[in-house]
Structure formats: C-alpha cells, structure tokens
Amino acid sequence: MQTREAADVVSGEQQAAALARDGGVTYTFPLAVRPLPTPADFARVAGCPIAQLVVTGRSGSALLHAFLDGHPQVLHVPHPFKFYDFIACHPDVLSRPAAGIVDAFMAWPAARLLFDSSASVILGGRLGDTMSTYIRYDLPHFKEAFLAAISGVETSERNVFLGLVIAFGWCAGQDLSRVSVVLHHLHHGDWAWPERLLDRSNIACNGLAPGRPGALHADKYLIPIRDPYETYVAHMTFATRHGLSDTPRLDLEDQLTRLLFQDWDRLAAARHEGRNVHVARLEDLRRDAPATLNACARWLGIDPDHECLRRLTFYGYTWHGDVYTEPSTVVHRTRPTRRAVWQERWLCDVALGREASCHGYRVGLTGRLKLWLLVLSVWWPAAALVDRSIPRGRVRRAAARARARTRSDFAGRLWRRWS
C-alpha cells in the first residue's frame, strides 16, 4: 500500500491509479443473476422524489452520501454523477431510440469513473477493511438493465436519469420495491442553476439553456456546508498540494474561489426561491453525526433508525474517505493545519458573510471595516491580499487586483439580489 507521505506529492488521480495497481480484491457487479428491471419497477421509482445532494467543495458531501449508501430506501449511483454533462455532450440524445441512448452512455468517456472504482479519487484504494476492495461493473449486464428500464417509457431527461439509476441499483442488488427516494450526487451543482453560473468544475460543454423544456429538476436539495473560513483554507491547501508554479496555482486558486462563491450563491438562491432545501453543516456532523443524520433521514422521508446511517460505506463496503484526506472510517474531527489570515477572512466576509450568518456562522469583520478593505483592495499596493509566497511583485499585485474585482463584483451581486 502506498504511504501517505508519497501520496502527498502527486495528484489525486495519480494516487488512485497507483493504489489500484497494488492489487486487492475486485468484485464485478452484478454478483448474482436476477430478473431485469420491469415496467412496474420503473413506475415505482418514477413516483419517488429526486433529491439532489449538491456538492460544496470540501464540506462533507461525500460523507453524507457514504452514510446514506446502504439505506434500502435510497436509490443512487454510488459516486458523484455528472448527468447534466452527459446530456450536454449529446444534445440530440433524447431524439434517439432507447437503444441509441444506451449506446451513447456506454461510449461516454466520463462514465468510466462510474463503472470502475479504481479510476475514482473518491473510491479508488479506499474501500474495504484494508482499503484493497475494488468494484467493477459487467458492462453487457449493465447495458441490458439500462435498456430494460427505459424501453417503452417516454423519452425525457428525468426518465433517462431514472433509467440509469435503476440500472446501477439493479447491478448492486438493490430491491427496487423498497425505494422511497432517488439521490443524485451532483458535482458542485453544475447546471442546477445555469443562469447563476460563475465557473464550471466539470468538462466544458454547450447546449444547456436555462429553463429548457423537459429539463431534469429535483424535488429536494440536500446541501452540505462548512465554516467559510475553513472551507477557503481547505481549497487553498488543495491547490497548493498540486505543486504548481505561481501563475497556474493562482489560476487554480481563483477557480476554486469562484466555485466556493458559486456554491454559497446557489444555496442563497434555493433558499430565497422557496425550494425544499435541507442544510447539513459539517460542524454538526463532527459534533453529533447520529442526530444530524436522523434529521436528514426524516427530511428525505426514509427510516431514520436504519443501522446503515451509523457507517461510512460505498457499495456496502467500508469507506475510508477520499484520497485527499487521511484514511478514516469515522467523521474527521480535525481542522485545517492553519487558520485563515485576515485577508482571507475579509474575502469570505465580503462575499459570503451575509448568507453564512443565516446558517449560524460568525462574521468576523464589521461592516465599516469591510467597506474600507473593499476600497483598499482596488488600489496599487493591494498585493497584501494575495499570499507572500509569490516571489514576483508584479504577479502578486496583478493577481490581487483581479481577485478584488471578482470578489467585490460578487459581493455587490449578492447584495443587490437579496437586499
């Protein structure tokens, strides 16, 4: 098994690949022969609400998913599922017959993460008691189940999505008659609010217009959040670990910052639009996971006392967290190795403070001080707003000015939107 010290110097994708090469036990799903999904199965699942678990980076979305993994009433794909990217990459897919839709998905390169756990930075080398369990899907069986699920039903985004989730659940041996809710682990909320897009965390695609007919909409939104100061530091630590030079690192930091702002912006949008939202704070998971999961289960409409809610699993096998964290089978109680400095606290307070305070997070800077810092940030020696590890002053100052404009524009946008 690869040591943590060695893993720290490579990317998550390289870690997952290296761990997969170490060997271990591979299970191929389905593990047993069973009848294919029927129209009655599809009708039952189609009557269940869709709950989207919207990723907010480094805030516990995979933890929530892992706790819900083994619940017999939750039908899901055991991985973040970029369904909207599949639709965007295949703009004509809904005009194809059922067999054509199935062929398009099977040939989609991004589906590899869903069919082979060793290719995933979330699951690769992190399943099983000794972190040596891997899951693969028998593709002909999956294809057969997917085709059986959507044959004879109206072609729509929702029905194609449900057919896919049914096929994954069938391969995993789930009893479709017990399903009460369909969970969609949506990566960073991409496409959930396309009119509020700040940055994409997934592949760049065109073709999804806001409010388009037949779009897949969720009935519920499960949104994990974390103290903004901690989240920002975790994002910057994530960027630093890639070992990039100054300019690429700044670009990655800026993208992660935009995604952080976007995640909170979408939470604000959902709340103010009156959508059915349940917020799960990482701090509450750390302090009292059973109570937090009990509340989540009640909101989802599933048995809150099921034993699976006490274990972290994927595919029913013990999960030790993704490759970006120390292995653990319980919720990490550790905090980032450093605290946010005043520049980072200012950034979060200006952009996120108003919404964060609605969810019990303390805003550190006063309104008057935030205003003066906002004015200061667009002036010349604004390099103090970017970390001093960048040796070239010109790069540091240019980055500071660009960031200040982005963040002040975003803060103004939130203020105008919700005041």
Protein backbone atom coordinates (compact mmCIF):
# COMPACT_ATOMS: atom_id res chain seq x y z
CA MET A 1 0.00 0.00 0.00
CA GLN A 2 1.27 3.45 -0.92
CA THR A 3 2.33 5.56 2.06
CA ARG A 4 0.66 8.88 2.81
CA GLU A 5 3.97 10.76 2.51
CA ALA A 6 4.39 9.53 -1.05
CA ALA A 7 0.77 10.28 -1.91
CA ASP A 8 1.03 13.90 -0.80
CA VAL A 9 3.29 14.86 -3.69
CA VAL A 10 1.10 13.61 -6.53
CA SER A 11 -2.39 14.41 -7.75
CA GLY A 12 -5.47 12.57 -6.58
CA GLU A 13 -5.83 10.87 -9.95
CA GLN A 14 -2.26 9.56 -9.76
CA GLN A 15 -2.86 8.34 -6.20
CA ALA A 16 -5.96 6.39 -7.22
CA ALA A 17 -4.16 4.79 -10.16
CA ALA A 18 -1.14 3.84 -8.03
CA LEU A 19 -3.30 2.34 -5.32
CA ALA A 20 -5.27 0.35 -7.88
CA ARG A 21 -2.05 -1.22 -9.15
CA ASP A 22 -1.29 -2.53 -5.67
CA GLY A 23 -3.78 -5.33 -6.24
CA GLY A 24 -6.55 -6.30 -3.87
CA VAL A 25 -9.96 -7.88 -4.31
CA THR A 26 -12.17 -6.88 -7.25
CA TYR A 27 -15.90 -7.62 -7.27
CA THR A 28 -17.79 -7.47 -10.55
CA PHE A 29 -21.44 -6.35 -10.36
CA PRO A 30 -23.98 -7.85 -10.61
CA LEU A 31 -22.81 -10.51 -8.19
CA ALA A 32 -25.78 -12.79 -8.95
CA VAL A 33 -28.24 -13.43 -11.77
CA ARG A 34 -31.63 -11.77 -11.19
CA PRO A 35 -34.64 -10.69 -13.28
CA LEU A 36 -34.17 -7.48 -15.26
CA PRO A 37 -35.97 -4.28 -14.20
CA THR A 38 -39.63 -4.29 -15.21
CA PRO A 39 -42.10 -1.53 -16.19
CA ALA A 40 -43.54 -1.88 -12.69
CA ASP A 41 -40.10 -1.21 -11.21
CA PHE A 42 -39.73 1.90 -13.34
CA ALA A 43 -43.22 3.14 -12.42
CA ARG A 44 -42.48 2.74 -8.72
CA VAL A 45 -39.16 4.59 -8.94
CA ALA A 46 -40.68 7.30 -11.15
CA GLY A 47 -43.16 8.05 -8.37
CA CYS A 48 -40.35 8.77 -5.89
CA PRO A 49 -38.94 12.27 -5.34
CA ILE A 50 -35.48 13.13 -6.66
CA ALA A 51 -33.20 14.63 -4.02
CA GLN A 52 -30.06 16.30 -5.32
CA LEU A 53 -27.06 16.18 -3.00
CA VAL A 54 -25.28 19.31 -4.22
CA VAL A 55 -21.51 19.28 -3.76
CA THR A 56 -19.99 22.24 -1.96
CA GLY A 57 -16.25 21.65 -2.08
CA ARG A 58 -14.53 20.13 0.97
CA SER A 59 -17.74 20.39 3.01
CA GLY A 60 -18.81 16.79 3.58
CA SER A 61 -20.98 15.87 0.58
CA ALA A 62 -19.21 12.52 0.12
CA LEU A 63 -19.61 11.86 3.86
CA LEU A 64 -23.36 12.34 3.63
CA HIS A 65 -23.51 10.13 0.56
CA ALA A 66 -21.50 7.40 2.29
CA PHE A 67 -23.80 7.40 5.32
CA LEU A 68 -26.84 7.05 3.02
CA ASP A 69 -25.18 4.44 0.78
CA GLY A 70 -26.59 1.26 2.29
CA HIS A 71 -30.08 2.51 3.06
CA PRO A 72 -32.61 0.25 1.28
CA GLN A 73 -34.97 3.17 0.63
CA VAL A 74 -32.34 5.29 -1.17
CA LEU A 75 -31.69 4.54 -4.86
CA HIS A 76 -28.49 6.17 -6.11
CA VAL A 77 -25.34 5.95 -8.18
CA PRO A 78 -22.53 5.35 -5.64
CA HIS A 79 -20.46 8.27 -6.91
CA PRO A 80 -20.91 11.95 -7.90
CA PHE A 81 -22.86 11.66 -11.15
CA LYS A 82 -22.41 14.31 -13.87
CA PHE A 83 -25.69 13.55 -15.62
CA TYR A 84 -26.04 17.08 -16.95
CA ASP A 85 -22.66 16.76 -18.65
CA PHE A 86 -23.87 13.62 -20.39
CA ILE A 87 -26.88 15.48 -21.76
CA ALA A 88 -24.73 18.47 -22.77
CA CYS A 89 -22.25 16.24 -24.61
CA HIS A 90 -25.10 14.55 -26.51
CA PRO A 91 -27.58 17.32 -27.41
CA ASP A 92 -29.54 15.00 -29.71
CA VAL A 93 -29.67 12.06 -27.33
CA LEU A 94 -33.36 12.47 -26.46
CA SER A 95 -34.28 12.13 -30.12
CA ARG A 96 -32.69 8.68 -30.28
CA PRO A 97 -34.43 5.36 -29.62
CA ALA A 98 -33.82 3.66 -26.30
CA ALA A 99 -31.01 1.52 -27.68
CA GLY A 100 -29.28 4.64 -29.07
CA ILE A 101 -29.47 6.37 -25.68
CA VAL A 102 -27.93 3.33 -24.02
CA ASP A 103 -25.13 3.12 -26.60
CA ALA A 104 -24.33 6.84 -26.16
CA PHE A 105 -23.96 6.48 -22.40
CA MET A 106 -21.86 3.34 -22.62
CA ALA A 107 -19.47 5.10 -25.03
CA TRP A 108 -19.24 8.31 -22.96
CA PRO A 109 -15.65 8.56 -21.58
CA ALA A 110 -16.73 10.15 -18.28
CA ALA A 111 -18.79 7.05 -17.43
CA ARG A 112 -15.58 5.12 -16.72
CA LEU A 113 -15.48 6.52 -13.17
CA LEU A 114 -18.90 5.01 -12.55
CA PHE A 115 -18.01 1.56 -13.87
CA ASP A 116 -14.60 1.08 -12.21
CA SER A 117 -13.92 2.29 -8.66
CA SER A 118 -10.14 2.14 -9.18
CA ALA A 119 -10.43 5.11 -11.56
CA SER A 120 -12.03 7.33 -8.90
CA VAL A 121 -10.24 9.69 -6.49
CA ILE A 122 -13.19 9.22 -4.13
CA LEU A 123 -13.30 5.42 -4.08
CA GLY A 124 -10.01 4.17 -5.55
CA GLY A 125 -7.91 2.46 -2.89
CA ARG A 126 -10.34 3.47 -0.14
CA LEU A 127 -12.88 0.62 0.00
CA GLY A 128 -12.92 -2.41 2.29
CA ASP A 129 -11.43 -3.01 5.72
CA THR A 130 -7.89 -3.00 4.31
CA MET A 131 -8.60 -0.43 1.55
CA SER A 132 -7.98 -3.09 -1.10
CA THR A 133 -11.52 -3.66 -2.43
CA TYR A 134 -12.46 -2.54 -5.94
CA ILE A 135 -15.80 -2.57 -7.75
CA ARG A 136 -16.32 -3.03 -11.46
CA TYR A 137 -19.50 -3.38 -13.48
CA ASP A 138 -20.13 -6.06 -16.06
CA LEU A 139 -20.89 -3.71 -18.95
CA PRO A 140 -23.09 -6.07 -21.00
CA HIS A 141 -25.27 -6.73 -17.94
CA PHE A 142 -25.46 -3.02 -17.11
CA LYS A 143 -26.38 -2.20 -20.70
CA GLU A 144 -29.10 -4.83 -20.66
CA ALA A 145 -30.56 -3.49 -17.40
CA PHE A 146 -30.47 0.14 -18.60
CA LEU A 147 -32.24 -0.78 -21.85
CA ALA A 148 -34.88 -2.79 -19.98
CA ALA A 149 -35.51 0.16 -17.63
CA ILE A 150 -36.18 2.79 -20.33
CA SER A 151 -37.77 0.68 -23.05
CA GLY A 152 -41.37 1.70 -23.62
CA VAL A 153 -41.27 4.87 -21.49
CA GLU A 154 -41.48 8.44 -22.72
CA THR A 155 -38.06 9.86 -23.61
CA SER A 156 -37.20 12.73 -21.26
CA GLU A 157 -34.24 13.82 -19.18
CA ARG A 158 -35.93 12.66 -16.00
CA ASN A 159 -36.78 9.22 -17.41
CA VAL A 160 -33.29 8.69 -18.84
CA PHE A 161 -31.80 9.67 -15.48
CA LEU A 162 -34.14 7.33 -13.61
CA GLY A 163 -33.30 4.51 -16.03
CA LEU A 164 -29.61 4.97 -15.34
CA VAL A 165 -30.03 4.97 -11.57
CA ILE A 166 -32.27 1.90 -11.78
CA ALA A 167 -29.57 0.09 -13.78
CA PHE A 168 -26.90 0.92 -11.20
CA GLY A 169 -29.18 -0.14 -8.35
CA TRP A 170 -30.11 -3.37 -10.13
CA CYS A 171 -26.44 -4.25 -10.68
CA ALA A 172 -25.74 -3.58 -6.98
CA GLY A 173 -28.53 -5.98 -5.99
CA GLN A 174 -30.89 -3.36 -4.57
CA ASP A 175 -34.55 -4.23 -4.02
CA LEU A 176 -36.33 -1.65 -6.20
CA SER A 177 -39.65 -2.31 -4.47
CA ARG A 178 -38.35 -0.67 -1.26
CA VAL A 179 -37.14 2.59 -2.83
CA SER A 180 -38.61 5.83 -1.41
CA VAL A 181 -36.23 8.48 -2.76
CA VAL A 182 -33.76 8.81 -5.65
CA LEU A 183 -30.50 10.51 -4.67
CA HIS A 184 -28.44 12.42 -7.25
CA HIS A 185 -24.96 13.41 -6.02
CA LEU A 186 -24.49 16.44 -8.25
CA HIS A 187 -20.91 17.61 -8.66
CA HIS A 188 -20.64 21.24 -7.43
CA GLY A 189 -24.22 21.90 -8.52
CA ASP A 190 -23.17 22.40 -12.13
CA TRP A 191 -26.27 23.11 -14.25
CA ALA A 192 -28.59 23.18 -11.24
CA TRP A 193 -28.86 26.97 -11.60
CA PRO A 194 -27.30 27.61 -15.04
CA GLU A 195 -28.32 31.27 -15.02
CA ARG A 196 -26.10 31.79 -11.95
CA LEU A 197 -23.00 30.09 -13.33
CA LEU A 198 -19.68 31.62 -12.21
CA ASP A 199 -17.36 28.76 -13.13
CA ARG A 200 -17.50 25.14 -14.19
CA SER A 201 -15.89 22.36 -12.26
CA ASN A 202 -16.60 19.80 -14.95
CA ILE A 203 -15.93 19.49 -18.68
CA ALA A 204 -16.78 22.49 -20.84
CA CYS A 205 -19.96 21.80 -22.80
CA ASN A 206 -22.56 23.85 -24.62
CA GLY A 207 -26.20 23.15 -25.23
CA LEU A 208 -27.96 23.50 -21.88
CA ALA A 209 -30.10 26.63 -21.81
CA PRO A 210 -31.86 27.81 -18.63
CA GLY A 211 -35.48 26.79 -18.43
CA ARG A 212 -35.31 24.49 -21.44
CA PRO A 213 -38.34 22.20 -21.90
CA GLY A 214 -38.04 18.76 -20.34
CA ALA A 215 -35.08 19.63 -18.09
CA LEU A 216 -34.39 17.40 -15.12
CA HIS A 217 -35.43 19.20 -11.95
CA ALA A 218 -35.02 17.95 -8.42
CA ASP A 219 -37.82 17.84 -5.88
CA LYS A 220 -35.48 18.33 -2.92
CA TYR A 221 -31.99 19.74 -2.37
CA LEU A 222 -29.59 18.39 0.26
CA ILE A 223 -26.76 20.91 0.65
CA PRO A 224 -23.77 20.35 2.96
CA ILE A 225 -21.94 23.45 4.16
CA ARG A 226 -18.90 24.26 6.28
CA ASP A 227 -17.50 27.31 8.03
CA PRO A 228 -16.47 29.61 5.13
CA TYR A 229 -13.08 30.39 6.67
CA GLU A 230 -12.25 26.68 6.98
CA THR A 231 -13.61 25.94 3.52
CA TYR A 232 -11.48 28.65 1.93
CA VAL A 233 -8.32 27.41 3.65
CA ALA A 234 -9.13 23.83 2.60
CA HIS A 235 -9.49 24.98 -1.01
CA MET A 236 -6.18 26.83 -0.95
CA THR A 237 -4.43 23.83 0.64
CA PHE A 238 -5.90 21.64 -2.08
CA ALA A 239 -4.47 23.98 -4.75
CA THR A 240 -1.03 24.13 -3.10
CA ARG A 241 -0.72 20.34 -2.97
CA HIS A 242 -0.66 20.21 -6.76
CA GLY A 243 2.87 21.67 -6.73
CA LEU A 244 2.20 24.21 -9.50
CA SER A 245 4.23 27.31 -10.31
CA ASP A 246 2.88 30.74 -9.38
CA THR A 247 0.65 31.57 -12.34
CA PRO A 248 -1.06 28.15 -12.70
CA ARG A 249 -1.51 27.96 -8.94
CA LEU A 250 -3.16 31.38 -8.87
CA ASP A 251 -5.46 30.33 -11.71
CA LEU A 252 -6.49 27.21 -9.80
CA GLU A 253 -6.97 29.18 -6.58
CA ASP A 254 -9.17 31.67 -8.42
CA GLN A 255 -11.26 28.89 -9.95
CA LEU A 256 -11.71 27.25 -6.56
CA THR A 257 -12.65 30.62 -5.05
CA ARG A 258 -15.28 31.18 -7.74
CA LEU A 259 -16.66 27.69 -7.11
CA LEU A 260 -16.82 28.42 -3.37
CA PHE A 261 -18.73 31.65 -4.03
CA GLN A 262 -20.96 29.85 -6.52
CA ASP A 263 -21.81 27.10 -4.05
CA TRP A 264 -22.98 29.62 -1.46
CA ASP A 265 -24.74 31.72 -4.09
CA ARG A 266 -26.80 28.70 -5.12
CA LEU A 267 -27.67 27.97 -1.53
CA ALA A 268 -28.91 31.57 -1.21
CA ALA A 269 -30.84 31.23 -4.47
CA ALA A 270 -32.51 27.99 -3.37
CA ARG A 271 -33.43 29.45 0.00
CA HIS A 272 -34.88 32.67 -1.40
CA GLU A 273 -36.75 30.86 -4.17
CA GLY A 274 -38.53 28.75 -1.57
CA ARG A 275 -37.15 25.40 -2.75
CA ASN A 276 -37.27 22.36 -0.50
CA VAL A 277 -33.76 22.59 0.98
CA HIS A 278 -32.14 20.77 3.86
CA VAL A 279 -28.76 22.12 5.02
CA ALA A 280 -26.30 19.79 6.75
CA ARG A 281 -23.40 21.54 8.48
CA LEU A 282 -20.10 19.68 8.64
CA GLU A 283 -19.62 21.03 12.16
CA ASP A 284 -22.85 19.27 13.20
CA LEU A 285 -21.68 16.02 11.62
CA ARG A 286 -18.46 16.29 13.61
CA ARG A 287 -20.22 17.07 16.87
CA ASP A 288 -23.19 14.67 16.67
CA ALA A 289 -23.37 12.59 13.50
CA PRO A 290 -26.33 10.41 14.62
CA ALA A 291 -28.58 13.40 15.33
CA THR A 292 -27.54 15.15 12.10
CA LEU A 293 -28.23 12.05 10.01
CA ASN A 294 -31.51 11.40 11.82
CA ALA A 295 -32.72 14.87 10.82
CA CYS A 296 -31.51 14.33 7.26
CA ALA A 297 -33.27 10.96 7.00
CA ARG A 298 -36.55 12.38 8.29
CA TRP A 299 -36.39 15.15 5.73
CA LEU A 300 -35.69 12.61 2.96
CA GLY A 301 -38.65 10.51 4.12
CA ILE A 302 -36.67 7.36 4.93
CA ASP A 303 -36.25 5.27 8.08
CA PRO A 304 -34.10 7.43 10.40
CA ASP A 305 -33.19 4.47 12.61
CA HIS A 306 -31.66 2.20 9.96
CA GLU A 307 -28.29 0.83 11.01
CA CYS A 308 -26.57 1.97 7.77
CA LEU A 309 -26.74 5.57 8.99
CA ARG A 310 -24.04 4.70 11.52
CA ARG A 311 -21.46 3.52 8.95
CA LEU A 312 -19.47 5.06 6.09
CA THR A 313 -19.77 2.75 3.07
CA PHE A 314 -19.95 2.69 -0.71
CA TYR A 315 -21.39 -0.38 -2.42
CA GLY A 316 -21.85 -1.68 1.12
CA TYR A 317 -18.08 -1.83 1.75
CA THR A 318 -16.33 0.26 4.39
CA TRP A 319 -15.17 3.61 3.01
CA HIS A 320 -12.07 5.38 4.37
CA GLY A 321 -12.62 8.82 2.81
CA ASP A 322 -11.30 10.19 -0.47
CA VAL A 323 -7.61 10.29 -1.41
CA TYR A 324 -7.31 13.95 -0.36
CA THR A 325 -7.73 13.14 3.34
CA GLU A 326 -6.15 10.84 5.89
CA PRO A 327 -7.87 7.42 5.87
CA SER A 328 -10.66 7.22 8.43
CA THR A 329 -13.88 5.25 8.87
CA VAL A 330 -15.47 7.98 11.00
CA VAL A 331 -16.07 11.69 10.50
CA HIS A 332 -12.79 13.61 10.75
CA ARG A 333 -12.77 15.97 13.72
CA THR A 334 -9.55 17.67 12.68
CA ARG A 335 -9.42 21.22 11.41
CA PRO A 336 -7.13 22.68 8.70
CA THR A 337 -3.48 22.89 9.73
CA ARG A 338 -3.58 26.68 9.57
CA ARG A 339 -6.18 29.35 10.33
CA ALA A 340 -7.46 31.88 7.83
CA VAL A 341 -5.48 35.12 7.91
CA TRP A 342 -7.25 38.48 7.96
CA GLN A 343 -7.14 38.84 4.16
CA GLU A 344 -8.94 35.53 3.74
CA ARG A 345 -11.47 36.35 6.46
CA TRP A 346 -12.13 39.67 4.74
CA LEU A 347 -12.70 37.89 1.44
CA CYS A 348 -15.22 35.46 2.94
CA ASP A 349 -16.98 38.14 4.99
CA VAL A 350 -17.50 40.45 2.00
CA ALA A 351 -18.66 37.75 -0.37
CA LEU A 352 -20.37 35.22 1.90
CA GLY A 353 -20.85 36.78 5.33
CA ARG A 354 -24.49 37.71 4.93
CA GLU A 355 -25.60 34.24 3.86
CA ALA A 356 -23.19 32.46 6.23
CA SER A 357 -24.62 34.31 9.23
CA CYS A 358 -28.06 32.92 8.34
CA HIS A 359 -26.70 29.43 8.99
CA GLY A 360 -25.07 30.16 12.33
CA TYR A 361 -21.55 31.11 11.22
CA ARG A 362 -19.86 34.09 12.84
CA VAL A 363 -18.88 37.01 10.64
CA GLY A 364 -15.58 38.39 11.88
CA LEU A 365 -15.32 41.89 10.39
CA THR A 366 -17.61 44.88 10.94
CA GLY A 367 -19.46 46.47 8.05
CA ARG A 368 -17.37 49.66 8.16
CA LEU A 369 -14.07 47.77 8.15
CA LYS A 370 -15.26 45.58 5.28
CA LEU A 371 -16.10 48.72 3.27
CA TRP A 372 -12.64 50.24 3.83
CA LEU A 373 -10.94 46.98 2.89
CA LEU A 374 -13.05 46.78 -0.24
CA VAL A 375 -11.86 50.24 -1.27
CA LEU A 376 -8.26 49.43 -0.33
CA SER A 377 -8.24 46.24 -2.37
CA VAL A 378 -8.53 48.00 -5.74
CA TRP A 379 -5.57 50.31 -5.09
CA TRP A 380 -1.97 49.68 -6.01
CA PRO A 381 -0.26 48.11 -3.23
CA ALA A 382 -3.03 45.53 -2.96
CA ALA A 383 -0.54 42.67 -3.04
CA ALA A 384 -1.16 42.07 0.66
CA LEU A 385 -4.43 40.46 -0.39
CA VAL A 386 -2.50 37.63 -2.07
CA ASP A 387 -0.12 35.40 -0.13
CA ARG A 388 3.54 36.48 0.11
CA SER A 389 4.85 33.15 -1.16
CA ILE A 390 4.63 34.58 -4.70
CA PRO A 391 8.11 36.00 -5.24
CA ARG A 392 7.39 38.32 -8.17
CA GLY A 393 5.73 41.54 -7.05
CA ARG A 394 4.12 42.25 -10.43
CA VAL A 395 2.38 38.87 -10.48
CA ARG A 396 1.29 39.34 -6.88
CA ARG A 397 -0.17 42.81 -7.49
CA ALA A 398 -1.93 41.81 -10.71
CA ALA A 399 -3.47 38.80 -9.01
CA ALA A 400 -4.61 40.93 -6.08
CA ARG A 401 -6.35 43.47 -8.33
CA ALA A 402 -8.04 40.75 -10.40
CA ARG A 403 -9.25 38.96 -7.30
CA ALA A 404 -10.51 42.14 -5.69
CA ARG A 405 -12.60 42.99 -8.76
CA THR A 406 -14.06 39.47 -8.91
CA ARG A 407 -14.91 39.39 -5.22
CA SER A 408 -16.32 42.92 -4.97
CA ASP A 409 -18.48 42.28 -8.05
CA PHE A 410 -19.76 39.09 -6.48
CA ALA A 411 -20.47 40.78 -3.13
CA GLY A 412 -22.39 43.53 -4.92
CA ARG A 413 -24.32 40.98 -6.90
CA LEU A 414 -25.41 39.15 -3.75
CA TRP A 415 -26.34 42.39 -2.02
CA ARG A 416 -28.47 43.62 -4.96
CA ARG A 417 -30.07 40.21 -5.34
CA TRP A 418 -31.15 39.65 -1.76
CA SER A 419 -31.48 43.10 -0.18
